[in-house]
Amino acid sequence: MKIHVDVECTPEEARTFLGLPDVQPMQQAMMAMVEERMKSALTAMDPETMLKTWLPAGIQGMEQMQKMFWNQFSAANPSPSKEKK
């Protein structure tokens, strides 16, 4: 025997029926705090400072990787002038 029950309700009604807590007010308060912190952090930094903060590590990492590749290539394939000596 199969029983099929359709229940139409909103998510809020389902949470109340199942006894789950309503976390919407807490979530809204937390999001407001996160938004305020992000706004204060962004207004404290001008675009030039942000770029200097975000990019140096990435650029230095790319330069280091490029140097490593060139060193590996030159070690694996010495130039013809070096082989004759």
PDB file of N, CA and C in Angstrom:
ATOM      1  N   MET A   1       0.848  -1.159   0.000  1.00  0.00           N
ATOM      2  CA  MET A   1       0.000   0.000   0.000  1.00  0.00           C
ATOM      3  C   MET A   1       0.907   1.240   0.000  1.00  0.00           C
ATOM      4  N   LYS A   2       0.558   2.182  -0.855  1.00  0.00           N
ATOM      5  CA  LYS A   2       1.284   3.436  -0.912  1.00  0.00           C
ATOM      6  C   LYS A   2       0.329   4.571  -0.587  1.00  0.00           C
ATOM      7  N   ILE A   3       0.860   5.500   0.189  1.00  0.00           N
ATOM      8  CA  ILE A   3       0.088   6.692   0.508  1.00  0.00           C
ATOM      9  C   ILE A   3       0.884   7.887   0.021  1.00  0.00           C
ATOM     10  N   HIS A   4       0.234   8.741  -0.690  1.00  0.00           N
ATOM     11  CA  HIS A   4       0.886   9.923  -1.236  1.00  0.00           C
ATOM     12  C   HIS A   4       0.175  11.153  -0.670  1.00  0.00           C
ATOM     13  N   VAL A   5       0.963  12.032  -0.041  1.00  0.00           N
ATOM     14  CA  VAL A   5       0.390  13.232   0.561  1.00  0.00           C
ATOM     15  C   VAL A   5       1.083  14.438  -0.036  1.00  0.00           C
ATOM     16  N   ASP A   6       0.308  15.375  -0.550  1.00  0.00           N
ATOM     17  CA  ASP A   6       0.844  16.635  -1.046  1.00  0.00           C
ATOM     18  C   ASP A   6       0.550  17.716  -0.016  1.00  0.00           C
ATOM     19  N   VAL A   7       1.592  18.422   0.373  1.00  0.00           N
ATOM     20  CA  VAL A   7       1.428  19.514   1.325  1.00  0.00           C
ATOM     21  C   VAL A   7       1.919  20.784   0.655  1.00  0.00           C
ATOM     22  N   GLU A   8       1.061  21.767   0.606  1.00  0.00           N
ATOM     23  CA  GLU A   8       1.443  23.052   0.050  1.00  0.00           C
ATOM     24  C   GLU A   8       1.619  24.033   1.200  1.00  0.00           C
ATOM     25  N   CYS A   9       2.843  24.497   1.347  1.00  0.00           N
ATOM     26  CA  CYS A   9       3.107  25.485   2.383  1.00  0.00           C
ATOM     27  C   CYS A   9       4.368  26.255   2.021  1.00  0.00           C
ATOM     28  N   THR A  10       4.532  27.378   2.655  1.00  0.00           N
ATOM     29  CA  THR A  10       5.717  28.189   2.426  1.00  0.00           C
ATOM     30  C   THR A  10       6.870  27.611   3.240  1.00  0.00           C
ATOM     31  N   PRO A  11       8.095  27.970   2.910  1.00  0.00           N
ATOM     32  CA  PRO A  11       9.223  27.498   3.720  1.00  0.00           C
ATOM     33  C   PRO A  11       9.090  27.898   5.197  1.00  0.00           C
ATOM     34  N   GLU A  12       8.565  29.078   5.440  1.00  0.00           N
ATOM     35  CA  GLU A  12       8.381  29.526   6.826  1.00  0.00           C
ATOM     36  C   GLU A  12       7.375  28.635   7.563  1.00  0.00           C
ATOM     37  N   GLU A  13       6.277  28.287   6.886  1.00  0.00           N
ATOM     38  CA  GLU A  13       5.280  27.403   7.490  1.00  0.00           C
ATOM     39  C   GLU A  13       5.873  26.012   7.742  1.00  0.00           C
ATOM     40  N   ALA A  14       6.691  25.516   6.831  1.00  0.00           N
ATOM     41  CA  ALA A  14       7.310  24.198   7.009  1.00  0.00           C
ATOM     42  C   ALA A  14       8.256  24.209   8.198  1.00  0.00           C
ATOM     43  N   ARG A  15       9.066  25.284   8.324  1.00  0.00           N
ATOM     44  CA  ARG A  15       9.979  25.373   9.481  1.00  0.00           C
ATOM     45  C   ARG A  15       9.201  25.394  10.795  1.00  0.00           C
ATOM     46  N   THR A  16       8.121  26.164  10.827  1.00  0.00           N
ATOM     47  CA  THR A  16       7.310  26.241  12.047  1.00  0.00           C
ATOM     48  C   THR A  16       6.692  24.883  12.360  1.00  0.00           C
ATOM     49  N   PHE A  17       6.165  24.207  11.348  1.00  0.00           N
ATOM     50  CA  PHE A  17       5.536  22.901  11.550  1.00  0.00           C
ATOM     51  C   PHE A  17       6.543  21.878  12.063  1.00  0.00           C
ATOM     52  N   LEU A  18       7.781  21.919  11.531  1.00  0.00           N
ATOM     53  CA  LEU A  18       8.802  20.962  11.941  1.00  0.00           C
ATOM     54  C   LEU A  18       9.526  21.377  13.219  1.00  0.00           C
ATOM     55  N   GLY A  19       9.221  22.561  13.730  1.00  0.00           N
ATOM     56  CA  GLY A  19       9.833  23.005  14.979  1.00  0.00           C
ATOM     57  C   GLY A  19      11.234  23.562  14.818  1.00  0.00           C
ATOM     58  N   LEU A  20      11.592  23.958  13.598  1.00  0.00           N
ATOM     59  CA  LEU A  20      12.918  24.524  13.365  1.00  0.00           C
ATOM     60  C   LEU A  20      12.918  26.013  13.730  1.00  0.00           C
ATOM     61  N   PRO A  21      14.047  26.512  14.204  1.00  0.00           N
ATOM     62  CA  PRO A  21      14.087  27.923  14.608  1.00  0.00           C
ATOM     63  C   PRO A  21      14.064  28.845  13.385  1.00  0.00           C
ATOM     64  N   ASP A  22      13.547  30.045  13.594  1.00  0.00           N
ATOM     65  CA  ASP A  22      13.535  31.054  12.536  1.00  0.00           C
ATOM     66  C   ASP A  22      14.842  31.838  12.642  1.00  0.00           C
ATOM     67  N   VAL A  23      15.744  31.608  11.709  1.00  0.00           N
ATOM     68  CA  VAL A  23      17.060  32.248  11.750  1.00  0.00           C
ATOM     69  C   VAL A  23      17.142  33.477  10.850  1.00  0.00           C
ATOM     70  N   GLN A  24      16.032  33.849  10.216  1.00  0.00           N
ATOM     71  CA  GLN A  24      16.051  34.975   9.296  1.00  0.00           C
ATOM     72  C   GLN A  24      16.478  36.287   9.960  1.00  0.00           C
ATOM     73  N   PRO A  25      15.992  36.642  11.153  1.00  0.00           N
ATOM     74  CA  PRO A  25      16.455  37.893  11.774  1.00  0.00           C
ATOM     75  C   PRO A  25      17.964  37.881  12.064  1.00  0.00           C
ATOM     76  N   MET A  26      18.476  36.742  12.524  1.00  0.00           N
ATOM     77  CA  MET A  26      19.910  36.638  12.794  1.00  0.00           C
ATOM     78  C   MET A  26      20.704  36.733  11.492  1.00  0.00           C
ATOM     79  N   GLN A  27      20.215  36.082  10.444  1.00  0.00           N
ATOM     80  CA  GLN A  27      20.896  36.127   9.161  1.00  0.00           C
ATOM     81  C   GLN A  27      20.921  37.541   8.601  1.00  0.00           C
ATOM     82  N   GLN A  28      19.829  38.269   8.728  1.00  0.00           N
ATOM     83  CA  GLN A  28      19.791  39.647   8.252  1.00  0.00           C
ATOM     84  C   GLN A  28      20.757  40.521   9.043  1.00  0.00           C
ATOM     85  N   ALA A  29      20.840  40.322  10.361  1.00  0.00           N
ATOM     86  CA  ALA A  29      21.757  41.104  11.184  1.00  0.00           C
ATOM     87  C   ALA A  29      23.208  40.809  10.815  1.00  0.00           C
ATOM     88  N   MET A  30      23.527  39.533  10.601  1.00  0.00           N
ATOM     89  CA  MET A  30      24.892  39.156  10.222  1.00  0.00           C
ATOM     90  C   MET A  30      25.266  39.726   8.862  1.00  0.00           C
ATOM     91  N   MET A  31      24.354  39.665   7.905  1.00  0.00           N
ATOM     92  CA  MET A  31      24.623  40.208   6.580  1.00  0.00           C
ATOM     93  C   MET A  31      24.821  41.719   6.634  1.00  0.00           C
ATOM     94  N   ALA A  32      24.069  42.393   7.488  1.00  0.00           N
ATOM     95  CA  ALA A  32      24.252  43.841   7.652  1.00  0.00           C
ATOM     96  C   ALA A  32      25.640  44.136   8.212  1.00  0.00           C
ATOM     97  N   MET A  33      26.086  43.327   9.181  1.00  0.00           N
ATOM     98  CA  MET A  33      27.424  43.516   9.755  1.00  0.00           C
ATOM     99  C   MET A  33      28.499  43.256   8.709  1.00  0.00           C
ATOM    100  N   VAL A  34      28.363  42.196   7.937  1.00  0.00           N
ATOM    101  CA  VAL A  34      29.338  41.870   6.898  1.00  0.00           C
ATOM    102  C   VAL A  34      29.387  42.992   5.862  1.00  0.00           C
ATOM    103  N   GLU A  35      28.216  43.475   5.466  1.00  0.00           N
ATOM    104  CA  GLU A  35      28.161  44.558   4.479  1.00  0.00           C
ATOM    105  C   GLU A  35      28.835  45.818   5.016  1.00  0.00           C
ATOM    106  N   GLU A  36      28.588  46.141   6.276  1.00  0.00           N
ATOM    107  CA  GLU A  36      29.200  47.335   6.876  1.00  0.00           C
ATOM    108  C   GLU A  36      30.725  47.201   6.951  1.00  0.00           C
ATOM    109  N   ARG A  37      31.203  46.038   7.339  1.00  0.00           N
ATOM    110  CA  ARG A  37      32.652  45.822   7.398  1.00  0.00           C
ATOM    111  C   ARG A  37      33.293  45.915   6.020  1.00  0.00           C
ATOM    112  N   MET A  38      32.632  45.348   5.020  1.00  0.00           N
ATOM    113  CA  MET A  38      33.179  45.411   3.664  1.00  0.00           C
ATOM    114  C   MET A  38      33.215  46.850   3.161  1.00  0.00           C
ATOM    115  N   LYS A  39      32.158  47.605   3.431  1.00  0.00           N
ATOM    116  CA  LYS A  39      32.126  49.007   3.011  1.00  0.00           C
ATOM    117  C   LYS A  39      33.232  49.806   3.686  1.00  0.00           C
ATOM    118  N   SER A  40      33.435  49.595   4.983  1.00  0.00           N
ATOM    119  CA  SER A  40      34.471  50.348   5.687  1.00  0.00           C
ATOM    120  C   SER A  40      35.862  49.952   5.199  1.00  0.00           C
ATOM    121  N   ALA A  41      36.058  48.685   4.883  1.00  0.00           N
ATOM    122  CA  ALA A  41      37.362  48.245   4.387  1.00  0.00           C
ATOM    123  C   ALA A  41      37.632  48.798   2.992  1.00  0.00           C
ATOM    124  N   LEU A  42      36.612  48.859   2.159  1.00  0.00           N
ATOM    125  CA  LEU A  42      36.802  49.363   0.804  1.00  0.00           C
ATOM    126  C   LEU A  42      36.992  50.874   0.777  1.00  0.00           C
ATOM    127  N   THR A  43      36.313  51.583   1.658  1.00  0.00           N
ATOM    128  CA  THR A  43      36.487  53.039   1.668  1.00  0.00           C
ATOM    129  C   THR A  43      37.835  53.419   2.263  1.00  0.00           C
ATOM    130  N   ALA A  44      38.402  52.552   3.068  1.00  0.00           N
ATOM    131  CA  ALA A  44      39.700  52.851   3.673  1.00  0.00           C
ATOM    132  C   ALA A  44      40.837  52.687   2.682  1.00  0.00           C
ATOM    133  N   MET A  45      40.608  51.967   1.607  1.00  0.00           N
ATOM    134  CA  MET A  45      41.681  51.707   0.640  1.00  0.00           C
ATOM    135  C   MET A  45      41.339  52.362  -0.689  1.00  0.00           C
ATOM    136  N   ASP A  46      42.244  53.113  -1.211  1.00  0.00           N
ATOM    137  CA  ASP A  46      42.054  53.656  -2.544  1.00  0.00           C
ATOM    138  C   ASP A  46      42.451  52.583  -3.563  1.00  0.00           C
ATOM    139  N   PRO A  47      42.053  52.724  -4.816  1.00  0.00           N
ATOM    140  CA  PRO A  47      42.322  51.682  -5.811  1.00  0.00           C
ATOM    141  C   PRO A  47      43.805  51.330  -5.956  1.00  0.00           C
ATOM    142  N   GLU A  48      44.688  52.317  -5.892  1.00  0.00           N
ATOM    143  CA  GLU A  48      46.120  52.039  -6.039  1.00  0.00           C
ATOM    144  C   GLU A  48      46.632  51.156  -4.906  1.00  0.00           C
ATOM    145  N   THR A  49      46.207  51.456  -3.683  1.00  0.00           N
ATOM    146  CA  THR A  49      46.620  50.648  -2.533  1.00  0.00           C
ATOM    147  C   THR A  49      46.076  49.234  -2.639  1.00  0.00           C
ATOM    148  N   MET A  50      44.830  49.103  -3.098  1.00  0.00           N
ATOM    149  CA  MET A  50      44.250  47.772  -3.256  1.00  0.00           C
ATOM    150  C   MET A  50      45.033  46.960  -4.269  1.00  0.00           C
ATOM    151  N   LEU A  51      45.394  47.557  -5.385  1.00  0.00           N
ATOM    152  CA  LEU A  51      46.168  46.828  -6.393  1.00  0.00           C
ATOM    153  C   LEU A  51      47.529  46.429  -5.861  1.00  0.00           C
ATOM    154  N   LYS A  52      48.179  47.313  -5.114  1.00  0.00           N
ATOM    155  CA  LYS A  52      49.477  46.969  -4.535  1.00  0.00           C
ATOM    156  C   LYS A  52      49.344  45.843  -3.523  1.00  0.00           C
ATOM    157  N   THR A  53      48.231  45.810  -2.813  1.00  0.00           N
ATOM    158  CA  THR A  53      48.003  44.767  -1.815  1.00  0.00           C
ATOM    159  C   THR A  53      47.719  43.426  -2.479  1.00  0.00           C
ATOM    160  N   TRP A  54      46.918  43.434  -3.525  1.00  0.00           N
ATOM    161  CA  TRP A  54      46.472  42.186  -4.141  1.00  0.00           C
ATOM    162  C   TRP A  54      47.462  41.627  -5.144  1.00  0.00           C
ATOM    163  N   LEU A  55      48.139  42.454  -5.903  1.00  0.00           N
ATOM    164  CA  LEU A  55      48.921  41.966  -7.025  1.00  0.00           C
ATOM    165  C   LEU A  55      50.367  41.576  -6.754  1.00  0.00           C
ATOM    166  N   PRO A  56      51.074  42.191  -5.836  1.00  0.00           N
ATOM    167  CA  PRO A  56      52.503  41.873  -5.746  1.00  0.00           C
ATOM    168  C   PRO A  56      52.807  40.391  -5.600  1.00  0.00           C
ATOM    169  N   ALA A  57      52.105  39.703  -4.762  1.00  0.00           N
ATOM    170  CA  ALA A  57      52.394  38.281  -4.568  1.00  0.00           C
ATOM    171  C   ALA A  57      52.165  37.514  -5.866  1.00  0.00           C
ATOM    172  N   GLY A  58      51.103  37.833  -6.571  1.00  0.00           N
ATOM    173  CA  GLY A  58      50.818  37.145  -7.821  1.00  0.00           C
ATOM    174  C   GLY A  58      51.857  37.442  -8.879  1.00  0.00           C
ATOM    175  N   ILE A  59      52.254  38.702  -8.986  1.00  0.00           N
ATOM    176  CA  ILE A  59      53.244  39.077  -9.995  1.00  0.00           C
ATOM    177  C   ILE A  59      54.598  38.467  -9.661  1.00  0.00           C
ATOM    178  N   GLN A  60      54.996  38.546  -8.402  1.00  0.00           N
ATOM    179  CA  GLN A  60      56.279  37.964  -8.010  1.00  0.00           C
ATOM    180  C   GLN A  60      56.264  36.464  -8.238  1.00  0.00           C
ATOM    181  N   GLY A  61      55.163  35.825  -7.938  1.00  0.00           N
ATOM    182  CA  GLY A  61      55.061  34.381  -8.158  1.00  0.00           C
ATOM    183  C   GLY A  61      55.195  34.032  -9.625  1.00  0.00           C
ATOM    184  N   MET A  62      54.579  34.835 -10.493  1.00  0.00           N
ATOM    185  CA  MET A  62      54.687  34.586 -11.931  1.00  0.00           C
ATOM    186  C   MET A  62      56.121  34.781 -12.405  1.00  0.00           C
ATOM    187  N   GLU A  63      56.786  35.844 -11.906  1.00  0.00           N
ATOM    188  CA  GLU A  63      58.177  36.087 -12.295  1.00  0.00           C
ATOM    189  C   GLU A  63      59.077  34.945 -11.833  1.00  0.00           C
ATOM    190  N   GLN A  64      58.874  34.466 -10.617  1.00  0.00           N
ATOM    191  CA  GLN A  64      59.678  33.363 -10.101  1.00  0.00           C
ATOM    192  C   GLN A  64      59.458  32.097 -10.920  1.00  0.00           C
ATOM    193  N   MET A  65      58.202  31.823 -11.278  1.00  0.00           N
ATOM    194  CA  MET A  65      57.916  30.630 -12.064  1.00  0.00           C
ATOM    195  C   MET A  65      58.562  30.749 -13.447  1.00  0.00           C
ATOM    196  N   GLN A  66      58.511  31.932 -14.047  1.00  0.00           N
ATOM    197  CA  GLN A  66      59.119  32.139 -15.356  1.00  0.00           C
ATOM    198  C   GLN A  66      60.631  31.929 -15.282  1.00  0.00           C
ATOM    199  N   LYS A  67      61.267  32.448 -14.239  1.00  0.00           N
ATOM    200  CA  LYS A  67      62.716  32.257 -14.068  1.00  0.00           C
ATOM    201  C   LYS A  67      63.051  30.782 -13.889  1.00  0.00           C
ATOM    202  N   MET A  68      62.217  30.080 -13.126  1.00  0.00           N
ATOM    203  CA  MET A  68      62.453  28.661 -12.907  1.00  0.00           C
ATOM    204  C   MET A  68      62.378  27.890 -14.227  1.00  0.00           C
ATOM    205  N   PHE A  69      61.346  28.191 -15.043  1.00  0.00           N
ATOM    206  CA  PHE A  69      61.224  27.535 -16.338  1.00  0.00           C
ATOM    207  C   PHE A  69      62.431  27.810 -17.214  1.00  0.00           C
ATOM    208  N   TRP A  70      62.878  29.063 -17.296  1.00  0.00           N
ATOM    209  CA  TRP A  70      64.019  29.403 -18.137  1.00  0.00           C
ATOM    210  C   TRP A  70      65.280  28.695 -17.657  1.00  0.00           C
ATOM    211  N   ASN A  71      65.457  28.615 -16.342  1.00  0.00           N
ATOM    212  CA  ASN A  71      66.622  27.902 -15.803  1.00  0.00           C
ATOM    213  C   ASN A  71      66.576  26.420 -16.157  1.00  0.00           C
ATOM    214  N   GLN A  72      65.405  25.815 -16.060  1.00  0.00           N
ATOM    215  CA  GLN A  72      65.261  24.403 -16.401  1.00  0.00           C
ATOM    216  C   GLN A  72      65.505  24.158 -17.888  1.00  0.00           C
ATOM    217  N   PHE A  73      64.959  25.047 -18.731  1.00  0.00           N
ATOM    218  CA  PHE A  73      65.156  24.899 -20.171  1.00  0.00           C
ATOM    219  C   PHE A  73      66.620  25.059 -20.559  1.00  0.00           C
ATOM    220  N   SER A  74      67.273  26.047 -19.973  1.00  0.00           N
ATOM    221  CA  SER A  74      68.674  26.274 -20.328  1.00  0.00           C
ATOM    222  C   SER A  74      69.567  25.143 -19.807  1.00  0.00           C
ATOM    223  N   ALA A  75      69.214  24.549 -18.669  1.00  0.00           N
ATOM    224  CA  ALA A  75      69.998  23.439 -18.131  1.00  0.00           C
ATOM    225  C   ALA A  75      69.785  22.169 -18.966  1.00  0.00           C
ATOM    226  N   ALA A  76      68.568  21.963 -19.457  1.00  0.00           N
ATOM    227  CA  ALA A  76      68.261  20.763 -20.226  1.00  0.00           C
ATOM    228  C   ALA A  76      68.766  20.848 -21.658  1.00  0.00           C
ATOM    229  N   ASN A  77      68.849  22.055 -22.193  1.00  0.00           N
ATOM    230  CA  ASN A  77      69.242  22.222 -23.589  1.00  0.00           C
ATOM    231  C   ASN A  77      70.318  23.312 -23.671  1.00  0.00           C
ATOM    232  N   PRO A  78      71.568  22.954 -23.417  1.00  0.00           N
ATOM    233  CA  PRO A  78      72.612  23.976 -23.469  1.00  0.00           C
ATOM    234  C   PRO A  78      72.758  24.525 -24.882  1.00  0.00           C
ATOM    235  N   SER A  79      73.158  25.773 -24.974  1.00  0.00           N
ATOM    236  CA  SER A  79      73.283  26.413 -26.288  1.00  0.00           C
ATOM    237  C   SER A  79      74.447  25.762 -27.056  1.00  0.00           C
ATOM    238  N   PRO A  80      74.413  25.775 -28.384  1.00  0.00           N
ATOM    239  CA  PRO A  80      75.465  25.144 -29.213  1.00  0.00           C
ATOM    240  C   PRO A  80      76.852  25.720 -28.944  1.00  0.00           C
ATOM    241  N   SER A  81      76.943  26.999 -28.625  1.00  0.00           N
ATOM    242  CA  SER A  81      78.269  27.598 -28.384  1.00  0.00           C
ATOM    243  C   SER A  81      78.919  27.001 -27.129  1.00  0.00           C
ATOM    244  N   LYS A  82      78.112  26.627 -26.132  1.00  0.00           N
ATOM    245  CA  LYS A  82      78.656  26.045 -24.912  1.00  0.00           C
ATOM    246  C   LYS A  82      79.134  24.602 -25.147  1.00  0.00           C
ATOM    247  N   GLU A  83      78.466  23.872 -26.067  1.00  0.00           N
ATOM    248  CA  GLU A  83      78.837  22.488 -26.319  1.00  0.00           C
ATOM    249  C   GLU A  83      80.202  22.388 -27.008  1.00  0.00           C
ATOM    250  N   LYS A  84      80.581  23.329 -27.870  1.00  0.00           N
ATOM    251  CA  LYS A  84      81.816  23.269 -28.628  1.00  0.00           C
ATOM    252  C   LYS A  84      83.033  23.546 -27.744  1.00  0.00           C
ATOM    253  N   LYS A  85      82.827  24.223 -26.649  1.00  0.00           N
ATOM    254  CA  LYS A  85      83.962  24.578 -25.801  1.00  0.00           C
ATOM    255  C   LYS A  85      84.415  23.462 -24.965  1.00  0.00           C
TER     256      LYS A  85
END
